[in-house]
Every structure is written in structure tokens, then in C-alpha cells.
C-alpha atoms as a PDB file:
ATOM      1  CA  UNK A   1     105.631  98.687  83.648  1.00  0.00           C
ATOM      2  CA  UNK A   2     102.415 100.368  82.518  1.00  0.00           C
ATOM      3  CA  UNK A   3     102.488 101.289  78.850  1.00  0.00           C
ATOM      4  CA  UNK A   4     100.399 103.850  77.004  1.00  0.00           C
ATOM      5  CA  UNK A   5      99.558 105.968  80.061  1.00  0.00           C
ATOM      6  CA  UNK A   6      99.182 109.721  79.506  1.00  0.00           C
ATOM      7  CA  UNK A   7      97.303 110.866  82.623  1.00  0.00           C
ATOM      8  CA  UNK A   8      98.153 109.893  86.212  1.00  0.00           C
ATOM      9  CA  UNK A   9      95.341 110.664  88.646  1.00  0.00           C
ATOM     10  CA  UNK A  10      95.748 110.735  92.419  1.00  0.00           C
ATOM     11  CA  UNK A  11      93.406 110.657  95.371  1.00  0.00           C
ATOM     12  CA  UNK A  12      94.223 113.155  98.152  1.00  0.00           C
ATOM     13  CA  UNK A  13      93.644 111.948 101.730  1.00  0.00           C
ATOM     14  CA  UNK A  14      95.892 109.043 102.732  1.00  0.00           C
ATOM     15  CA  UNK A  15      97.289 108.841  99.218  1.00  0.00           C
ATOM     16  CA  UNK A  16      99.459 111.936  98.837  1.00  0.00           C
ATOM     17  CA  UNK A  17      98.422 113.682 102.088  1.00  0.00           C
ATOM     18  CA  UNK A  18      99.073 112.095 105.494  1.00  0.00           C
ATOM     19  CA  UNK A  19      95.655 113.139 106.769  1.00  0.00           C
ATOM     20  CA  UNK A  20      95.229 110.655 109.666  1.00  0.00           C
ATOM     21  CA  UNK A  21      97.545 112.749 111.834  1.00  0.00           C
ATOM     22  CA  UNK A  22      95.226 115.705 111.400  1.00  0.00           C
ATOM     23  CA  UNK A  23      92.134 113.546 111.861  1.00  0.00           C
ATOM     24  CA  UNK A  24      93.449 112.292 115.192  1.00  0.00           C
ATOM     25  CA  UNK A  25      94.190 115.764 116.558  1.00  0.00           C
ATOM     26  CA  UNK A  26      90.823 117.020 115.292  1.00  0.00           C
ATOM     27  CA  UNK A  27      89.022 114.122 116.981  1.00  0.00           C
ATOM     28  CA  UNK A  28      90.590 114.989 120.324  1.00  0.00           C
ATOM     29  CA  UNK A  29      89.591 118.639 119.973  1.00  0.00           C
ATOM     30  CA  UNK A  30      86.013 117.674 119.130  1.00  0.00           C
ATOM     31  CA  UNK A  31      85.948 115.406 122.185  1.00  0.00           C
ATOM     32  CA  UNK A  32      86.975 118.405 124.303  1.00  0.00           C
ATOM     33  CA  UNK A  33      83.944 120.243 122.896  1.00  0.00           C
ATOM     34  CA  UNK A  34      81.749 117.205 123.632  1.00  0.00           C
ATOM     35  CA  UNK A  35      82.941 117.187 127.234  1.00  0.00           C
ATOM     36  CA  UNK A  36      82.032 120.848 127.751  1.00  0.00           C
ATOM     37  CA  UNK A  37      78.632 120.323 126.110  1.00  0.00           C
ATOM     38  CA  UNK A  38      77.832 117.281 128.239  1.00  0.00           C
ATOM     39  CA  UNK A  39      78.918 118.934 131.473  1.00  0.00           C
ATOM     40  CA  UNK A  40      76.832 122.002 130.640  1.00  0.00           C
ATOM     41  CA  UNK A  41      73.782 119.777 130.159  1.00  0.00           C
ATOM     42  CA  UNK A  42      74.239 117.729 133.305  1.00  0.00           C
ATOM     43  CA  UNK A  43      76.196 114.781 131.892  1.00  0.00           C
ATOM     44  CA  UNK A  44      79.680 114.938 133.452  1.00  0.00           C
ATOM     45  CA  UNK A  45      80.917 111.797 131.657  1.00  0.00           C
ATOM     46  CA  UNK A  46      84.496 110.588 131.269  1.00  0.00           C
ATOM     47  CA  UNK A  47      84.841 110.286 127.486  1.00  0.00           C
ATOM     48  CA  UNK A  48      88.078 108.317 127.207  1.00  0.00           C
ATOM     49  CA  UNK A  49      86.403 104.868 127.474  1.00  0.00           C
ATOM     50  CA  UNK A  50      84.136 105.809 124.552  1.00  0.00           C
ATOM     51  CA  UNK A  51      86.958 106.827 122.210  1.00  0.00           C
ATOM     52  CA  UNK A  52      87.496 103.422 120.501  1.00  0.00           C
ATOM     53  CA  UNK A  53      83.785 103.003 119.727  1.00  0.00           C
ATOM     54  CA  UNK A  54      83.446 106.607 118.541  1.00  0.00           C
ATOM     55  CA  UNK A  55      86.459 106.295 116.275  1.00  0.00           C
ATOM     56  CA  UNK A  56      85.037 103.058 114.871  1.00  0.00           C
ATOM     57  CA  UNK A  57      81.701 104.743 114.151  1.00  0.00           C
ATOM     58  CA  UNK A  58      83.424 107.659 112.414  1.00  0.00           C
ATOM     59  CA  UNK A  59      85.386 105.227 110.267  1.00  0.00           C
ATOM     60  CA  UNK A  60      82.182 103.380 109.359  1.00  0.00           C
ATOM     61  CA  UNK A  61      80.420 106.610 108.391  1.00  0.00           C
ATOM     62  CA  UNK A  62      83.376 107.636 106.244  1.00  0.00           C
ATOM     63  CA  UNK A  63      83.505 104.228 104.571  1.00  0.00           C
ATOM     64  CA  UNK A  64      79.792 104.547 103.784  1.00  0.00           C
ATOM     65  CA  UNK A  65      80.664 107.919 102.193  1.00  0.00           C
ATOM     66  CA  UNK A  66      78.467 109.852 104.624  1.00  0.00           C
ATOM     67  CA  UNK A  67      80.804 112.831 104.492  1.00  0.00           C
ATOM     68  CA  UNK A  68      78.635 115.572 106.005  1.00  0.00           C
ATOM     69  CA  UNK A  69      80.139 115.923 109.481  1.00  0.00           C
ATOM     70  CA  UNK A  70      77.180 118.047 110.620  1.00  0.00           C
ATOM     71  CA  UNK A  71      75.246 114.786 110.723  1.00  0.00           C
ATOM     72  CA  UNK A  72      77.924 112.885 112.621  1.00  0.00           C
ATOM     73  CA  UNK A  73      77.927 114.546 116.013  1.00  0.00           C
ATOM     74  CA  UNK A  74      74.492 113.510 117.254  1.00  0.00           C
ATOM     75  CA  UNK A  75      75.235 110.011 115.960  1.00  0.00           C
ATOM     76  CA  UNK A  76      78.223 109.991 118.292  1.00  0.00           C
ATOM     77  CA  UNK A  77      76.081 111.139 121.216  1.00  0.00           C
ATOM     78  CA  UNK A  78      73.682 108.304 120.499  1.00  0.00           C
ATOM     79  CA  UNK A  79      76.603 105.857 120.402  1.00  0.00           C
ATOM     80  CA  UNK A  80      77.492 107.030 123.917  1.00  0.00           C
ATOM     81  CA  UNK A  81      73.971 106.320 125.112  1.00  0.00           C
ATOM     82  CA  UNK A  82      72.982 109.987 125.345  1.00  0.00           C
ATOM     83  CA  UNK A  83      69.409 110.357 124.096  1.00  0.00           C
ATOM     84  CA  UNK A  84      67.890 113.218 126.091  1.00  0.00           C
ATOM     85  CA  UNK A  85      69.989 116.014 124.555  1.00  0.00           C
ATOM     86  CA  UNK A  86      71.305 116.836 121.079  1.00  0.00           C
ATOM     87  CA  UNK A  87      73.489 119.412 119.410  1.00  0.00           C
ATOM     88  CA  UNK A  88      71.437 121.975 117.522  1.00  0.00           C
ATOM     89  CA  UNK A  89      72.203 122.826 113.901  1.00  0.00           C
ATOM     90  CA  UNK A  90      74.537 125.720 114.725  1.00  0.00           C
ATOM     91  CA  UNK A  91      76.440 123.649 117.291  1.00  0.00           C
ATOM     92  CA  UNK A  92      76.874 120.896 114.707  1.00  0.00           C
ATOM     93  CA  UNK A  93      78.263 123.382 112.186  1.00  0.00           C
ATOM     94  CA  UNK A  94      80.662 124.730 114.822  1.00  0.00           C
ATOM     95  CA  UNK A  95      81.978 121.230 115.560  1.00  0.00           C
ATOM     96  CA  UNK A  96      82.420 120.591 111.847  1.00  0.00           C
ATOM     97  CA  UNK A  97      84.388 123.832 111.417  1.00  0.00           C
ATOM     98  CA  UNK A  98      86.612 122.917 114.349  1.00  0.00           C
ATOM     99  CA  UNK A  99      87.169 119.418 112.976  1.00  0.00           C
ATOM    100  CA  UNK A 100      88.203 120.531 109.492  1.00  0.00           C
ATOM    101  CA  UNK A 101      90.217 123.572 110.616  1.00  0.00           C
ATOM    102  CA  UNK A 102      92.305 121.369 112.916  1.00  0.00           C
ATOM    103  CA  UNK A 103      92.618 118.667 110.253  1.00  0.00           C
ATOM    104  CA  UNK A 104      93.838 121.187 107.668  1.00  0.00           C
ATOM    105  CA  UNK A 105      96.311 122.726 110.101  1.00  0.00           C
ATOM    106  CA  UNK A 106      97.903 119.381 110.902  1.00  0.00           C
ATOM    107  CA  UNK A 107      97.719 117.563 107.558  1.00  0.00           C
ATOM    108  CA  UNK A 108     101.176 116.933 106.135  1.00  0.00           C
ATOM    109  CA  UNK A 109     102.364 115.475 102.855  1.00  0.00           C
ATOM    110  CA  UNK A 110     104.002 112.073 102.787  1.00  0.00           C
ATOM    111  CA  UNK A 111     107.808 112.346 102.565  1.00  0.00           C
ATOM    112  CA  UNK A 112     107.866 111.138  98.952  1.00  0.00           C
ATOM    113  CA  UNK A 113     104.825 113.090  97.654  1.00  0.00           C
ATOM    114  CA  UNK A 114     106.631 116.013  96.035  1.00  0.00           C
ATOM    115  CA  UNK A 115     109.419 113.788  94.771  1.00  0.00           C
ATOM    116  CA  UNK A 116     107.031 111.517  92.880  1.00  0.00           C
ATOM    117  CA  UNK A 117     104.943 114.380  91.489  1.00  0.00           C
ATOM    118  CA  UNK A 118     108.070 116.036  90.138  1.00  0.00           C
ATOM    119  CA  UNK A 119     109.306 112.702  88.767  1.00  0.00           C
ATOM    120  CA  UNK A 120     106.047 112.118  86.886  1.00  0.00           C
ATOM    121  CA  UNK A 121     105.934 115.656  85.502  1.00  0.00           C
ATOM    122  CA  UNK A 122     109.507 115.295  84.281  1.00  0.00           C
ATOM    123  CA  UNK A 123     108.531 112.029  82.581  1.00  0.00           C
ATOM    124  CA  UNK A 124     105.898 113.936  80.602  1.00  0.00           C
ATOM    125  CA  UNK A 125     102.726 112.641  82.242  1.00  0.00           C
ATOM    126  CA  UNK A 126      99.726 114.845  82.791  1.00  0.00           C
ATOM    127  CA  UNK A 127      98.702 114.862  86.454  1.00  0.00           C
ATOM    128  CA  UNK A 128      95.182 114.948  87.836  1.00  0.00           C
ATOM    129  CA  UNK A 129      93.538 114.769  91.230  1.00  0.00           C
ATOM    130  CA  UNK A 130      90.099 113.414  92.116  1.00  0.00           C
ATOM    131  CA  UNK A 131      89.009 113.728  95.722  1.00  0.00           C
ATOM    132  CA  UNK A 132      85.617 113.457  97.362  1.00  0.00           C
ATOM    133  CA  UNK A 133      83.870 116.325  99.094  1.00  0.00           C
ATOM    134  CA  UNK A 134      84.372 116.836 102.827  1.00  0.00           C
ATOM    135  CA  UNK A 135      80.608 117.124 103.161  1.00  0.00           C
ATOM    136  CA  UNK A 136      80.316 120.909 103.192  1.00  0.00           C
ATOM    137  CA  UNK A 137      81.049 122.825  99.961  1.00  0.00           C
ATOM    138  CA  UNK A 138      84.346 124.698 100.001  1.00  0.00           C
ATOM    139  CA  UNK A 139      86.084 122.790 102.800  1.00  0.00           C
ATOM    140  CA  UNK A 140      88.028 120.381 100.599  1.00  0.00           C
ATOM    141  CA  UNK A 141      89.031 123.251  98.283  1.00  0.00           C
ATOM    142  CA  UNK A 142      90.497 125.178 101.237  1.00  0.00           C
ATOM    143  CA  UNK A 143      92.358 122.082 102.392  1.00  0.00           C
ATOM    144  CA  UNK A 144      93.810 121.572  98.926  1.00  0.00           C
ATOM    145  CA  UNK A 145      94.904 125.207  98.783  1.00  0.00           C
ATOM    146  CA  UNK A 146      96.667 124.858 102.122  1.00  0.00           C
ATOM    147  CA  UNK A 147      98.470 121.734 100.931  1.00  0.00           C
ATOM    148  CA  UNK A 148     100.591 123.689  98.443  1.00  0.00           C
ATOM    149  CA  UNK A 149      99.963 121.057  95.763  1.00  0.00           C
ATOM    150  CA  UNK A 150      97.627 122.837  93.361  1.00  0.00           C
ATOM    151  CA  UNK A 151     100.363 123.917  90.958  1.00  0.00           C
ATOM    152  CA  UNK A 152     101.423 120.311  90.357  1.00  0.00           C
ATOM    153  CA  UNK A 153      98.149 119.246  88.755  1.00  0.00           C
ATOM    154  CA  UNK A 154      96.789 119.854  85.273  1.00  0.00           C
ATOM    155  CA  UNK A 155      93.254 119.180  86.494  1.00  0.00           C
ATOM    156  CA  UNK A 156      91.542 118.871  89.883  1.00  0.00           C
ATOM    157  CA  UNK A 157      88.018 117.666  90.506  1.00  0.00           C
ATOM    158  CA  UNK A 158      86.253 117.603  93.873  1.00  0.00           C
ATOM    159  CA  UNK A 159      83.548 114.970  93.513  1.00  0.00           C
ATOM    160  CA  UNK A 160      80.405 116.054  95.326  1.00  0.00           C
ATOM    161  CA  UNK A 161      81.322 119.744  95.095  1.00  0.00           C
ATOM    162  CA  UNK A 162      82.240 120.282  91.442  1.00  0.00           C
ATOM    163  CA  UNK A 163      79.647 117.739  90.329  1.00  0.00           C
ATOM    164  CA  UNK A 164      77.048 115.778  92.290  1.00  0.00           C
ATOM    165  CA  UNK A 165      78.495 112.293  91.911  1.00  0.00           C
ATOM    166  CA  UNK A 166      81.112 110.998  94.352  1.00  0.00           C
ATOM    167  CA  UNK A 167      83.476 108.044  94.055  1.00  0.00           C
ATOM    168  CA  UNK A 168      83.068 105.207  93.140  1.00  0.00           C
ATOM    169  CA  UNK A 169      80.657 106.575  90.527  1.00  0.00           C
ATOM    170  CA  UNK A 170      82.696 106.632  87.303  1.00  0.00           C
ATOM    171  CA  UNK A 171      81.413 110.094  86.340  1.00  0.00           C
ATOM    172  CA  UNK A 172      84.149 112.122  88.124  1.00  0.00           C
ATOM    173  CA  UNK A 173      86.863 109.971  86.551  1.00  0.00           C
ATOM    174  CA  UNK A 174      85.410 110.253  83.066  1.00  0.00           C
ATOM    175  CA  UNK A 175      84.841 113.989  83.482  1.00  0.00           C
ATOM    176  CA  UNK A 176      88.465 114.663  84.434  1.00  0.00           C
ATOM    177  CA  UNK A 177      89.742 112.540  81.556  1.00  0.00           C
ATOM    178  CA  UNK A 178      87.486 114.467  79.188  1.00  0.00           C
ATOM    179  CA  UNK A 179      88.602 117.842  80.549  1.00  0.00           C
ATOM    180  CA  UNK A 180      92.244 116.918  80.000  1.00  0.00           C
ATOM    181  CA  UNK A 181      91.643 115.339  76.599  1.00  0.00           C
ATOM    182  CA  UNK A 182      92.844 111.866  77.513  1.00  0.00           C
ATOM    183  CA  UNK A 183      90.942 108.631  76.739  1.00  0.00           C
ATOM    184  CA  UNK A 184      90.169 106.494  79.829  1.00  0.00           C
ATOM    185  CA  UNK A 185      92.352 103.666  78.555  1.00  0.00           C
ATOM    186  CA  UNK A 186      95.359 106.018  78.818  1.00  0.00           C
ATOM    187  CA  UNK A 187      94.591 106.969  82.448  1.00  0.00           C
ATOM    188  CA  UNK A 188      95.666 105.409  85.733  1.00  0.00           C
ATOM    189  CA  UNK A 189      94.073 106.050  89.138  1.00  0.00           C
ATOM    190  CA  UNK A 190      96.184 105.885  92.298  1.00  0.00           C
ATOM    191  CA  UNK A 191      94.402 105.747  95.643  1.00  0.00           C
ATOM    192  CA  UNK A 192      94.303 104.112  99.052  1.00  0.00           C
ATOM    193  CA  UNK A 193      90.709 102.841  99.156  1.00  0.00           C
ATOM    194  CA  UNK A 194      89.564  99.877  97.049  1.00  0.00           C
ATOM    195  CA  UNK A 195      85.876 100.720  97.499  1.00  0.00           C
ATOM    196  CA  UNK A 196      86.155 104.263  96.106  1.00  0.00           C
ATOM    197  CA  UNK A 197      89.402 104.859  94.197  1.00  0.00           C
ATOM    198  CA  UNK A 198      89.902 101.417  92.678  1.00  0.00           C
ATOM    199  CA  UNK A 199      86.232 100.568  92.120  1.00  0.00           C
ATOM    200  CA  UNK A 200      85.542 103.956  90.529  1.00  0.00           C
ATOM    201  CA  UNK A 201      88.674 103.898  88.420  1.00  0.00           C
ATOM    202  CA  UNK A 202      87.898 100.450  87.076  1.00  0.00           C
ATOM    203  CA  UNK A 203      84.298 101.431  86.317  1.00  0.00           C
ATOM    204  CA  UNK A 204      85.621 104.336  84.230  1.00  0.00           C
ATOM    205  CA  UNK A 205      88.035 102.145  82.284  1.00  0.00           C
ATOM    206  CA  UNK A 206      91.173 103.436  84.037  1.00  0.00           C
ATOM    207  CA  UNK A 207      94.091 101.265  85.077  1.00  0.00           C
ATOM    208  CA  UNK A 208      94.376 101.261  88.870  1.00  0.00           C
ATOM    209  CA  UNK A 209      97.092 101.291  91.515  1.00  0.00           C
ATOM    210  CA  UNK A 210      96.319 100.777  95.205  1.00  0.00           C
ATOM    211  CA  UNK A 211      98.696 102.228  97.768  1.00  0.00           C
ATOM    212  CA  UNK A 212      98.557 100.071 100.883  1.00  0.00           C
ATOM    213  CA  UNK A 213      98.207 102.613 103.670  1.00  0.00           C
ATOM    214  CA  UNK A 214      96.078 100.029 105.518  1.00  0.00           C
ATOM    215  CA  UNK A 215      94.605  96.632 104.740  1.00  0.00           C
ATOM    216  CA  UNK A 216      90.939  97.136 103.962  1.00  0.00           C
ATOM    217  CA  UNK A 217      90.478  93.450 103.052  1.00  0.00           C
ATOM    218  CA  UNK A 218      87.865  94.304 100.435  1.00  0.00           C
ATOM    219  CA  UNK A 219      87.601  94.081  96.668  1.00  0.00           C
ATOM    220  CA  UNK A 220      88.039  95.066  93.919  1.00  0.00           C
ATOM    221  CA  UNK A 221      91.640  94.177  93.241  1.00  0.00           C
ATOM    222  CA  UNK A 222      93.810  96.812  91.541  1.00  0.00           C
ATOM    223  CA  UNK A 223      96.110  96.246  88.607  1.00  0.00           C
ATOM    224  CA  UNK A 224      99.086  97.033  90.854  1.00  0.00           C
ATOM    225  CA  UNK A 225      99.747  97.471  94.563  1.00  0.00           C
ATOM    226  CA  UNK A 226     102.443  99.655  96.103  1.00  0.00           C
ATOM    227  CA  UNK A 227     103.574 100.463  99.629  1.00  0.00           C
ATOM    228  CA  UNK A 228     105.141 103.876  99.009  1.00  0.00           C
ATOM    229  CA  UNK A 229     104.565 106.551  96.378  1.00  0.00           C
ATOM    230  CA  UNK A 230     108.180 106.211  95.305  1.00  0.00           C
ATOM    231  CA  UNK A 231     107.334 102.633  94.223  1.00  0.00           C
ATOM    232  CA  UNK A 232     105.573 104.222  91.229  1.00  0.00           C
ATOM    233  CA  UNK A 233     108.974 104.670  89.624  1.00  0.00           C
ATOM    234  CA  UNK A 234     109.005 100.940  88.848  1.00  0.00           C
ATOM    235  CA  UNK A 235     105.553 101.133  87.216  1.00  0.00           C
ATOM    236  CA  UNK A 236     105.434 104.490  85.399  1.00  0.00           C
END
């Protein structure tokens, strides 16, 4: 059991929100737009064989914290070997809007999300949320509003929108702790990514809990690991 904790801070995507379902549907819609674009410009290519490589590239860009999707789409064209045409700036923005609108529409909460938030509130913990920008100001805020979760949190900070630093920079963590009047030593960060949530939390002096949504096989190691949000009941 963790003792002396006053503030429990969560990440959003893949921690309390089952975002990959939305990401997958959004990817397929963007590929439909790619197909139309390529056919219009004389490249009638079957895209299905490219899907694994394109998904891998998107994952790599996300892991490198290159969140601005406007910059992704021509990278994907290049990955497909298309070098004689590119999306213009407005077409890139359109693809980004499509991607995030579809993601927001199809993002669901994990089955135990509301249960654990209510449990922690009833135990007297303050609750916070730190999530990184989606690359374009305002998008993550709209997604959070659509999630129905805002009322559960005492403080929410969108790193990269509300302040310039993104995870794993310790600044967002320290800022939220300061806003809520809790010393870092009395805070715990819960997230799914060791290289942002755990690394940033540790740098800020928080205790850390990694939820194993997938095996990233990277450091740093958290103080605790869990498989489901409901496992927090044995820690907090």
C-alpha cells in the first residue's frame, strides 16, 4: 500500500480512455482519404499492403512525441514511396480534423474507469489529470469534454497546450501539484507509457504506477505495476 498520498494523477489515452479503438477507426478513414487523393493524382494504389508499415510509422512518431498530425501525412506518403506529390497545408489540416473527430467519436472509457475514480474520491484523494497535447491547440480539450470525465478531476493540465512543456518534462507534473497545493512527495502518477508518464513522474518526485496496456520493454521502472485500473484498490 502507498502511504502519505494526497493527489492521484492520471494520464488519459490508454490509461483511463480506451483510445486505440478510436485510433484504429480513424486510421481507416484517413486511408480512405489517401486512396481518393492518390487516385485523383494518378496513383491508383492498393493501400492495404502498406497498412502495417504505416501503422508502425505512426506509432514511432507518437513515441517520439511528434504529436502534430499535420506533419504526419506527407511522411506516410513518403513511406509508401510516393515522392512526386504531397498534401498541401489545407489538405493536411483536413486529414487531421478527420482523424481526431473520428477518434473522439469512438473513444470509450475502460469498464473500470468510473468505478475507480469514484472509489478514489470516496477515499478522500484529490484527483488530477495530465495529458499531452494532440498537436493542435484545442483538440485534446474537446476530446476531454466529450469523455464526460471533467467533473471527476480537481485539476486538469494539457501539456503542450496549457504550458509549452510536454511529458516527460517534470514541469507539467510540478505545476499541477502546485495548483492543487500538494507536495510532489504526496503525489502519484498513473499512466501507460514508461517513457512519458513514469519518466516524467519520477523526475518530478512523484510515486509512479504503470498500467500494462502493452509491453513497451523500456525503462524507467515504476514503483508499482497494475493490469487493470481496479487493481489500484490494493495500492491506494
